[in-house]
Protein backbone atom coordinates (compact mmCIF):
# COMPACT_ATOMS: atom_id res chain seq x y z
CA MET A 1 24.63 102.20 0.48
CA SER A 2 26.89 99.18 0.98
CA PRO A 3 26.03 95.94 -0.78
CA PRO A 4 23.67 93.95 1.48
CA ARG A 5 23.72 90.21 1.89
CA PRO A 6 20.70 89.46 -0.28
CA PRO A 7 18.11 86.82 0.56
CA ASP A 8 17.85 83.62 -1.42
CA PRO A 9 16.04 84.58 -4.65
CA LEU A 10 14.69 81.08 -5.20
CA ALA A 11 12.81 81.34 -1.90
CA ARG A 12 10.96 84.37 -3.26
CA MET A 13 9.82 82.73 -6.49
CA PRO A 14 6.66 80.74 -7.16
CA ALA A 15 7.38 77.03 -6.76
CA PRO A 16 7.34 76.11 -10.50
CA LEU A 17 9.69 78.99 -11.32
CA ALA A 18 12.04 78.13 -8.45
CA GLU A 19 12.17 74.50 -9.55
CA LEU A 20 13.05 75.51 -13.12
CA ALA A 21 15.78 77.86 -11.83
CA ARG A 22 17.25 75.05 -9.68
CA ARG A 23 17.54 72.81 -12.71
CA VAL A 24 19.35 75.57 -14.61
CA LEU A 25 21.84 76.03 -11.77
CA GLU A 26 22.45 72.30 -11.47
CA VAL A 27 23.50 72.18 -15.13
CA ALA A 28 25.51 75.41 -14.81
CA ASP A 29 27.42 74.12 -11.77
CA ALA A 30 28.12 70.79 -13.44
CA GLU A 31 29.59 72.62 -16.46
CA GLY A 32 31.31 75.44 -14.58
CA SER A 33 29.19 78.16 -16.25
CA SER A 34 28.95 81.63 -14.73
CA VAL A 35 25.26 82.49 -14.36
CA LEU A 36 23.87 85.61 -12.70
CA LEU A 37 20.41 86.90 -11.93
CA VAL A 38 20.12 90.34 -13.50
CA GLY A 39 17.88 93.38 -13.80
CA GLY A 40 14.34 93.58 -12.50
CA PRO A 41 14.38 90.37 -10.44
CA VAL A 42 17.39 91.63 -8.44
CA ARG A 43 15.74 95.02 -7.97
CA ASP A 44 12.50 93.40 -6.78
CA LEU A 45 14.37 91.04 -4.46
CA LEU A 46 16.11 93.97 -2.75
CA LEU A 47 12.80 95.85 -2.53
CA GLU A 48 11.28 92.77 -0.87
CA ARG A 49 8.81 92.36 -3.70
CA PRO A 50 7.89 88.95 -5.13
CA ILE A 51 9.91 87.70 -8.08
CA VAL A 52 7.63 86.77 -10.96
CA ASP A 53 10.18 86.86 -13.83
CA VAL A 54 13.66 85.41 -13.99
CA ASP A 55 16.32 86.92 -16.26
CA LEU A 56 19.61 85.02 -16.26
CA LEU A 57 22.90 86.32 -17.64
CA ILE A 58 25.59 83.92 -18.90
CA GLU A 59 29.13 85.26 -18.78
CA GLY A 60 31.76 84.80 -21.44
CA ASP A 61 30.02 82.49 -23.92
CA PRO A 62 28.43 84.12 -27.02
CA ALA A 63 26.27 81.05 -27.63
CA GLY A 64 25.68 80.42 -23.94
CA ALA A 65 22.06 81.56 -23.68
CA GLY A 66 20.54 79.19 -26.20
CA ASP A 67 22.93 76.34 -25.49
CA LEU A 68 22.34 76.37 -21.75
CA ALA A 69 18.56 76.56 -22.21
CA ALA A 70 18.70 73.63 -24.63
CA ARG A 71 20.70 71.49 -22.20
CA VAL A 72 18.24 72.18 -19.38
CA ALA A 73 15.05 71.68 -21.41
CA ARG A 74 12.95 68.57 -20.97
CA PRO A 75 11.01 67.08 -23.91
CA GLU A 76 7.78 68.83 -22.94
CA GLU A 77 9.51 72.23 -22.69
CA LYS A 78 10.26 74.64 -25.50
CA VAL A 79 13.42 76.62 -26.22
CA VAL A 80 13.08 79.82 -28.26
CA ARG A 81 16.39 81.27 -29.48
CA HIS A 82 17.14 84.79 -30.70
CA ASP A 83 20.76 84.39 -31.75
CA ARG A 84 20.90 87.87 -33.30
CA PHE A 85 20.46 89.36 -29.82
CA GLY A 86 22.21 86.62 -27.85
CA THR A 87 19.03 85.69 -25.98
CA ALA A 88 16.82 82.66 -25.47
CA SER A 89 13.78 81.56 -23.47
CA LEU A 90 13.02 78.25 -21.79
CA ARG A 91 9.26 77.80 -21.56
CA GLY A 92 7.61 75.13 -19.47
CA ARG A 93 3.96 74.49 -18.69
CA GLU A 94 3.93 76.60 -15.53
CA ALA A 95 7.07 78.75 -15.71
CA SER A 96 9.59 80.24 -18.09
CA ILE A 97 13.07 81.74 -17.80
CA ASP A 98 14.83 84.24 -20.08
CA PHE A 99 18.55 83.83 -20.82
CA ALA A 100 21.03 86.30 -22.29
CA THR A 101 24.77 86.38 -22.83
CA THR A 102 26.82 89.34 -21.66
CA ARG A 103 26.86 91.82 -24.53
CA SER A 104 27.08 95.45 -25.55
CA GLU A 105 24.72 97.36 -27.82
CA SER A 106 25.05 100.17 -30.35
CA TYR A 107 22.33 102.04 -32.25
CA ALA A 108 22.52 103.11 -35.89
CA HIS A 109 20.03 105.92 -35.23
CA PRO A 110 17.54 106.92 -32.51
CA GLY A 111 14.82 104.35 -32.09
CA ALA A 112 16.63 101.67 -34.12
CA LEU A 113 16.97 98.11 -32.90
CA PRO A 114 20.40 97.56 -31.34
CA THR A 115 23.43 95.95 -32.92
CA VAL A 116 24.70 93.39 -30.40
CA THR A 117 28.29 92.30 -29.83
CA PRO A 118 29.78 90.07 -27.08
CA ALA A 119 31.13 91.96 -24.07
CA ASP A 120 32.02 91.52 -20.40
CA LEU A 121 29.66 91.90 -17.45
CA GLU A 122 30.50 95.55 -16.76
CA LYS A 123 29.69 96.61 -20.34
CA ASP A 124 26.52 94.54 -20.28
CA LEU A 125 25.28 96.31 -17.16
CA ALA A 126 26.24 99.68 -18.65
CA ARG A 127 23.81 99.17 -21.58
CA ARG A 128 20.77 98.84 -19.31
CA ASP A 129 17.92 101.34 -19.13
CA PHE A 130 18.07 102.48 -15.48
CA SER A 131 20.63 102.08 -12.73
CA VAL A 132 18.21 100.09 -10.54
CA ASN A 133 17.98 97.57 -13.40
CA ALA A 134 21.77 97.40 -13.78
CA LEU A 135 22.20 95.15 -10.76
CA ALA A 136 23.35 91.54 -10.94
CA MET A 137 23.47 88.73 -8.40
CA PRO A 138 25.76 85.70 -8.95
CA LEU A 139 23.88 82.41 -8.68
CA SER A 140 26.08 79.61 -9.99
CA ARG A 141 29.18 78.45 -8.12
CA THR A 142 31.56 79.93 -10.70
CA ALA A 143 29.76 83.29 -10.65
CA ARG A 144 29.84 83.43 -6.84
CA GLU A 145 33.58 82.83 -6.90
CA ARG A 146 34.11 85.71 -9.35
CA HIS A 147 31.79 88.39 -8.01
CA PRO A 148 30.49 89.99 -4.80
CA PRO A 149 26.93 89.15 -3.62
CA ILE A 150 25.56 92.14 -5.57
CA VAL A 151 27.31 93.54 -8.64
CA ASP A 152 26.59 97.28 -8.81
CA SER A 153 28.78 99.16 -11.26
CA ALA A 154 26.26 101.94 -11.99
CA GLY A 155 25.17 103.15 -8.55
CA GLY A 156 21.89 101.25 -8.64
CA LEU A 157 21.87 100.49 -4.91
CA ARG A 158 22.12 104.20 -4.11
CA ASP A 159 19.22 104.99 -6.46
CA LEU A 160 17.24 102.08 -5.04
CA ALA A 161 17.54 103.62 -1.57
CA ALA A 162 16.61 107.08 -2.94
CA ARG A 163 13.73 105.59 -4.97
CA LYS A 164 14.95 107.24 -8.16
CA LEU A 165 14.97 106.14 -11.78
CA ARG A 166 18.21 107.29 -13.39
CA VAL A 167 19.44 106.57 -16.91
CA LEU A 168 23.06 105.58 -17.29
CA HIS A 169 24.09 108.24 -19.81
CA GLU A 170 22.77 111.47 -21.29
CA ARG A 171 21.71 109.97 -24.64
CA SER A 172 19.92 106.96 -23.22
CA PHE A 173 16.50 108.13 -24.47
CA HIS A 174 18.04 109.02 -27.83
CA ASP A 175 19.24 105.42 -28.18
CA ASP A 176 15.93 103.91 -27.11
CA PRO A 177 13.01 106.33 -26.63
CA THR A 178 10.76 103.51 -25.41
CA ARG A 179 12.67 103.74 -22.13
CA ALA A 180 10.39 106.68 -21.34
CA LEU A 181 7.39 104.36 -21.52
CA ARG A 182 9.17 101.88 -19.26
CA ALA A 183 9.90 104.67 -16.78
CA ALA A 184 6.21 105.60 -16.79
CA ARG A 185 5.35 102.02 -15.82
CA LEU A 186 8.13 101.40 -13.32
CA GLY A 187 7.94 104.72 -11.51
CA PRO A 188 4.28 104.54 -10.37
CA ARG A 189 4.44 100.79 -9.77
CA LEU A 190 7.52 101.01 -7.54
CA GLY A 191 6.86 104.45 -6.09
CA PHE A 192 9.95 105.92 -7.80
CA THR A 193 10.45 109.29 -9.49
CA LEU A 194 12.77 110.38 -12.29
CA ALA A 195 16.13 111.77 -11.20
CA PRO A 196 16.56 115.44 -12.25
CA ARG A 197 19.21 114.77 -14.90
CA THR A 198 17.09 111.94 -16.27
CA ARG A 199 14.21 114.40 -16.74
CA GLY A 200 16.64 116.63 -18.61
CA ALA A 201 17.79 113.75 -20.83
CA LEU A 202 14.16 112.99 -21.68
CA ARG A 203 13.44 116.63 -22.55
CA ASN A 204 16.45 116.66 -24.87
CA ALA A 205 15.26 113.51 -26.65
CA LEU A 206 11.80 115.03 -27.09
CA ARG A 207 13.32 118.25 -28.40
CA ASP A 208 15.43 116.32 -30.92
CA GLY A 209 12.43 114.41 -32.30
CA CYS A 210 13.73 110.97 -31.34
CA PHE A 211 10.30 109.43 -30.78
CA GLY A 212 9.27 109.90 -34.39
CA SER A 213 11.54 107.09 -35.56
CA VAL A 214 10.18 104.45 -33.17
CA SER A 215 7.97 101.91 -34.92
CA GLY A 216 4.32 101.62 -34.00
CA ASP A 217 4.77 97.97 -33.03
CA ARG A 218 7.41 98.83 -30.44
CA LEU A 219 5.26 101.61 -29.00
CA ARG A 220 2.24 99.36 -28.81
CA ARG A 221 4.15 96.58 -27.03
CA GLU A 222 5.24 99.05 -24.37
CA LEU A 223 1.73 100.46 -24.04
CA ASP A 224 0.30 96.93 -23.83
CA ARG A 225 2.45 96.45 -20.73
CA VAL A 226 0.91 99.54 -19.14
CA PHE A 227 -2.29 97.52 -18.83
CA GLU A 228 -0.68 94.12 -18.27
CA ASP A 229 1.36 95.54 -15.37
CA ALA A 230 -1.88 96.24 -13.52
CA ALA A 231 -1.57 92.61 -12.41
CA ARG A 232 1.56 93.76 -10.53
CA GLY A 233 -0.14 96.72 -8.90
CA LEU A 234 0.16 99.49 -11.51
CA ASP A 235 -2.70 101.95 -11.96
CA PRO A 236 -2.66 102.39 -15.77
CA GLY A 237 -3.92 105.95 -15.43
CA ARG A 238 -0.86 106.92 -13.37
CA ALA A 239 1.48 105.63 -16.07
CA LEU A 240 -0.42 107.50 -18.79
CA ARG A 241 -0.54 110.63 -16.63
CA ALA A 242 3.25 110.51 -16.29
CA LEU A 243 3.64 110.26 -20.07
CA ASP A 244 1.21 113.16 -20.47
CA GLU A 245 3.05 115.33 -17.95
CA TRP A 246 6.37 114.53 -19.62
CA HIS A 247 4.80 115.61 -22.98
CA VAL A 248 5.45 112.18 -24.47
CA LEU A 249 1.84 111.43 -25.49
CA GLY A 250 1.49 114.60 -27.55
CA VAL A 251 4.75 113.82 -29.32
CA LEU A 252 3.59 110.29 -30.16
CA GLU A 253 0.43 111.69 -31.78
CA PRO A 254 -0.64 115.37 -31.79
CA GLY A 255 -3.69 115.88 -29.61
CA LEU A 256 -3.14 112.72 -27.58
CA THR A 257 -3.48 113.21 -23.81
CA LEU A 258 -4.93 111.49 -20.78
CA PRO A 259 -8.60 112.60 -20.79
CA ARG A 260 -9.95 113.53 -17.38
CA GLU A 261 -13.01 111.34 -17.83
CA ALA A 262 -10.80 108.28 -18.39
CA VAL A 263 -8.86 108.56 -15.10
CA VAL A 264 -11.36 106.88 -12.75
CA PRO A 265 -12.32 104.10 -15.22
CA LEU A 266 -8.63 103.35 -15.78
CA ARG A 267 -8.08 103.10 -12.03
CA ARG A 268 -11.00 100.67 -11.79
CA LEU A 269 -9.59 98.76 -14.74
CA GLY A 270 -6.25 98.38 -12.96
CA ARG A 271 -7.98 96.94 -9.90
CA ALA A 272 -10.12 94.65 -12.07
CA ILE A 273 -7.01 93.25 -13.80
CA ALA A 274 -5.15 92.80 -10.49
CA GLN A 275 -8.16 91.21 -8.74
CA PRO A 276 -10.66 90.18 -11.41
CA PRO A 277 -14.29 90.69 -10.37
CA TRP A 278 -15.09 87.53 -12.34
CA THR A 279 -13.09 84.72 -13.91
CA SER A 280 -12.43 84.74 -17.63
CA GLY A 281 -9.48 83.42 -19.58
CA ARG A 282 -10.50 85.26 -22.75
CA LEU A 283 -9.76 88.84 -21.69
CA ARG A 284 -7.19 90.96 -23.53
CA PRO A 285 -6.41 93.72 -20.98
CA TRP A 286 -4.78 95.99 -23.54
CA MET A 287 -7.92 95.98 -25.70
CA THR A 288 -10.11 97.27 -22.88
CA GLY A 289 -7.33 99.62 -21.79
CA PHE A 290 -7.01 101.28 -25.19
CA ALA A 291 -10.81 101.51 -25.49
CA VAL A 292 -11.20 103.25 -22.11
CA TRP A 293 -8.23 105.56 -22.68
CA LEU A 294 -9.05 106.56 -26.26
CA GLY A 295 -12.84 106.41 -25.98
CA PRO A 296 -13.36 110.10 -25.07
CA PHE A 297 -11.51 111.28 -28.19
CA ALA A 298 -13.09 112.04 -31.54
CA PRO A 299 -13.07 109.04 -33.90
CA GLN A 300 -10.52 110.73 -36.20
CA LEU A 301 -7.96 111.09 -33.39
CA ARG A 302 -8.71 107.58 -32.23
CA ARG A 303 -7.94 106.23 -35.70
CA ARG A 304 -4.73 108.26 -35.99
CA ALA A 305 -3.52 107.07 -32.59
CA LEU A 306 -4.23 103.44 -33.42
CA ARG A 307 -2.34 103.76 -36.70
CA ARG A 308 0.61 105.31 -34.85
CA PHE A 309 0.62 102.34 -32.49
CA GLY A 310 0.69 99.88 -35.37
CA LEU A 311 -2.87 98.64 -34.86
CA ARG A 312 -4.62 97.81 -38.10
CA GLY A 313 -7.19 95.40 -39.43
CA ASP A 314 -9.75 93.82 -37.13
CA PRO A 315 -8.24 94.97 -33.79
CA ALA A 316 -8.24 98.59 -34.99
CA ARG A 317 -11.83 98.32 -36.26
CA GLN A 318 -12.94 96.87 -32.93
CA LEU A 319 -11.26 99.66 -30.98
CA VAL A 320 -12.75 102.37 -33.18
CA GLU A 321 -16.21 100.90 -32.65
CA MET A 322 -15.91 99.98 -28.97
CA PRO A 323 -16.86 103.38 -27.46
CA ARG A 324 -20.14 103.28 -29.41
CA LEU A 325 -20.84 99.71 -28.31
CA VAL A 326 -20.02 100.59 -24.70
CA GLU A 327 -22.35 103.60 -24.67
CA ARG A 328 -25.16 101.61 -26.26
CA ALA A 329 -24.74 98.83 -23.70
CA GLU A 330 -24.74 101.37 -20.85
CA ARG A 331 -28.06 102.82 -22.02
CA ALA A 332 -29.62 99.40 -22.50
CA LEU A 333 -28.39 98.22 -19.09
CA ALA A 334 -29.97 101.28 -17.42
CA ARG A 335 -33.33 100.37 -19.01
CA ALA A 336 -33.14 96.63 -18.30
CA ARG A 337 -35.50 95.26 -15.68
CA GLY A 338 -34.96 91.76 -14.37
CA ARG A 339 -32.06 89.34 -14.63
CA GLY A 340 -33.23 87.99 -17.94
CA ALA A 341 -33.27 91.43 -19.53
CA ILE A 342 -29.78 92.16 -18.14
CA ASP A 343 -28.55 88.87 -19.57
CA ALA A 344 -29.99 89.79 -22.97
CA VAL A 345 -28.05 93.08 -22.92
CA LEU A 346 -24.73 91.79 -21.59
CA GLY A 347 -24.65 88.28 -23.04
CA ALA A 348 -23.88 89.52 -26.55
CA LEU A 349 -20.84 91.59 -25.49
CA SER A 350 -17.23 90.51 -25.86
CA GLU A 351 -15.23 90.21 -22.65
CA GLU A 352 -13.35 93.42 -23.47
CA VAL A 353 -16.53 95.46 -24.05
CA LEU A 354 -18.13 93.99 -20.93
CA LEU A 355 -15.17 95.06 -18.80
CA ALA A 356 -15.17 98.52 -20.38
CA VAL A 357 -18.85 98.92 -19.46
CA TYR A 358 -18.06 97.68 -15.95
CA VAL A 359 -15.23 100.16 -15.23
CA ARG A 360 -17.29 103.10 -16.57
CA SER A 361 -20.41 102.28 -14.54
CA GLU A 362 -21.73 103.40 -11.16
CA PRO A 363 -21.76 100.92 -8.22
CA ALA A 364 -25.32 99.64 -8.77
CA ALA A 365 -24.64 98.84 -12.43
CA ARG A 366 -21.31 97.24 -11.54
CA ARG A 367 -23.08 94.92 -9.11
CA ARG A 368 -25.50 93.92 -11.88
CA ILE A 369 -22.60 93.19 -14.22
CA GLU A 370 -20.74 91.15 -11.57
CA ARG A 371 -23.85 89.04 -10.89
CA PHE A 372 -24.30 88.43 -14.59
CA ALA A 373 -20.62 87.53 -15.15
CA ARG A 374 -20.26 85.32 -12.07
CA GLU A 375 -23.64 83.61 -12.06
CA ASP A 376 -26.22 84.22 -14.76
CA ARG A 377 -24.18 83.73 -17.91
CA LEU A 378 -23.08 80.32 -16.60
CA ARG A 379 -26.65 79.14 -16.02
CA ARG A 380 -28.20 76.96 -18.72
CA PRO A 381 -31.97 76.64 -19.25
CA PRO A 382 -33.35 73.10 -18.79
CA VAL A 383 -34.20 72.71 -22.48
CA THR A 384 -32.12 72.65 -25.65
CA GLY A 385 -32.63 73.34 -29.31
CA ASP A 386 -33.45 69.65 -29.84
CA ASP A 387 -36.34 69.99 -27.38
CA LEU A 388 -37.69 72.93 -29.38
CA VAL A 389 -37.42 70.98 -32.62
CA ALA A 390 -39.40 68.18 -30.98
CA ALA A 391 -41.99 70.79 -29.95
CA GLY A 392 -42.42 71.73 -33.61
CA LEU A 393 -40.21 74.80 -33.98
CA ALA A 394 -37.79 75.29 -36.87
CA GLY A 395 -35.37 77.83 -38.33
CA PRO A 396 -34.97 81.26 -36.72
CA ALA A 397 -37.92 80.58 -34.42
CA ILE A 398 -35.69 78.21 -32.41
CA ALA A 399 -33.20 80.97 -31.54
CA ARG A 400 -36.01 83.39 -30.61
CA ALA A 401 -37.66 80.77 -28.44
CA LEU A 402 -34.41 79.86 -26.68
CA GLU A 403 -33.85 83.53 -25.90
CA ARG A 404 -37.36 83.90 -24.47
CA ILE A 405 -37.02 80.74 -22.39
CA ARG A 406 -33.64 81.85 -21.08
CA ILE A 407 -35.08 85.21 -19.97
CA ALA A 408 -37.96 83.44 -18.22
CA TRP A 409 -35.54 80.97 -16.60
CA LEU A 410 -33.28 83.74 -15.21
CA ASP A 411 -36.27 85.79 -14.04
CA GLY A 412 -37.72 82.78 -12.21
CA SER A 413 -41.00 82.53 -14.09
CA VAL A 414 -39.78 79.18 -15.46
CA ARG A 415 -38.38 77.04 -12.65
CA ASN A 416 -37.82 73.55 -14.07
CA ARG A 417 -37.74 71.45 -17.22
CA GLU A 418 -41.47 70.72 -17.19
CA GLU A 419 -42.34 74.43 -17.12
CA ALA A 420 -39.73 75.13 -19.82
CA LEU A 421 -41.23 72.42 -22.06
CA ALA A 422 -44.69 73.84 -21.48
CA LEU A 423 -43.49 77.30 -22.53
CA SER A 424 -41.81 75.70 -25.57
CA ALA A 425 -45.11 74.11 -26.59
CA GLU A 426 -46.93 77.42 -26.16
CA ILE A 427 -44.33 79.24 -28.28
CA ALA A 428 -44.69 76.53 -30.95
CA ARG A 429 -48.48 76.87 -30.99
CA ARG A 430 -48.25 80.64 -31.36
CA SER A 431 -45.63 80.24 -34.07
CA ARG A 432 -47.99 77.99 -36.05
CA ARG A 433 -50.94 80.37 -35.61
CA THR A 434 -49.05 83.51 -36.60
CA PRO A 435 -48.66 82.81 -40.37
CA ARG A 436 -52.40 81.95 -40.69
CA ALA A 437 -53.40 85.07 -38.78
CA ARG A 438 -51.21 87.20 -41.01
CA LYS A 439 -52.65 85.55 -44.14
CA LYS A 440 -56.21 86.15 -42.95
CA LYS A 441 -55.45 89.79 -42.16
CA ALA A 442 -53.92 90.28 -45.61
CA ARG A 443 -56.98 88.76 -47.48
CA PRO A 444 -58.99 91.52 -49.28
CA ASP A 445 -62.64 92.05 -48.35
CA SER A 446 -65.15 90.22 -50.54
């Protein structure tokens, strides 16, 4: 496959990202810096997929990543530097760009973080995970003068045409076992399969026990992306199935698999993340994803898996408890009659539990949940706690009364403020009568 004349990458970016990239190139051209687009954005451009991330490579300047980002940044933008790795990020309100200097990497032992040293472009591309990610495209004037339209020193264009994921050397998974988790995400999302020798390299890394030395935090970050990548079209279940078929899950924690009963809910979860059935800015996709995936397992295995993935404290406790909360909510939802009763069941759930119930439910229950999430939970009864205080209620009785009024409001038996105030007054009268009635009932016979 001969190098094509690629389209303009800036034309394929969202407007805020394209504008930020233009500013970077203006500074780079003014200074004569060699800047290239590298990795996934080049791959996606050639696959005619939208570019949502920008990774820029600066040639020949060990401090170039952070320095260039700092010179481009405006006062309202933030520069985050990682000088140990020769990388930096420029983060604006609506877009961000990652920078790196050309470098090589070495690993003290399997699963270790890399030791980084400055290097030329060819060595930088040779350290990448897969050949289709070892592609670079010169953007600045100096880079275009030095390089062809597509720099492909690892055969990435050939593998792109064959729709194959191929590691660049036999010990690639030994150096960084988390590349297997990246392959499980990229393959299903792009419609690629592992090249035969890459499957062999993965089997060798599994045989040699390389995954045991990878920290839980690194594993969890990669698994988090399994669910976050649903926004880009990945079915999380397909990624987990690949890891299961490659025997990676069982190596990460004995007994860990992809349960059959989690497959359909995970597919629904992927669609719900890509096209949310309701709007919420509070959702943590990975939390619901872990709960749906690990929910069918016994609590002991769930706890062991969470520990292996570096999850402790409150997040781990929530995930251990979530399957029980989901099942209890499912039973209560099946019994609920009327919109007010549904609101009482679902209104107390976190966004993650609510979505877990949604993806596990049948169509009729999903429609109930969508109506609640889109409409009912946003509706406010026409009275407040202050109105109930004015009606004579106090203490816990106020919360109970508000709940009753809300149920009546959603069910339609209370239609306006006047009717809500009338119900408030009735609740207050009954509240005042109840203690006297109890006292009378408790009085011994004379």
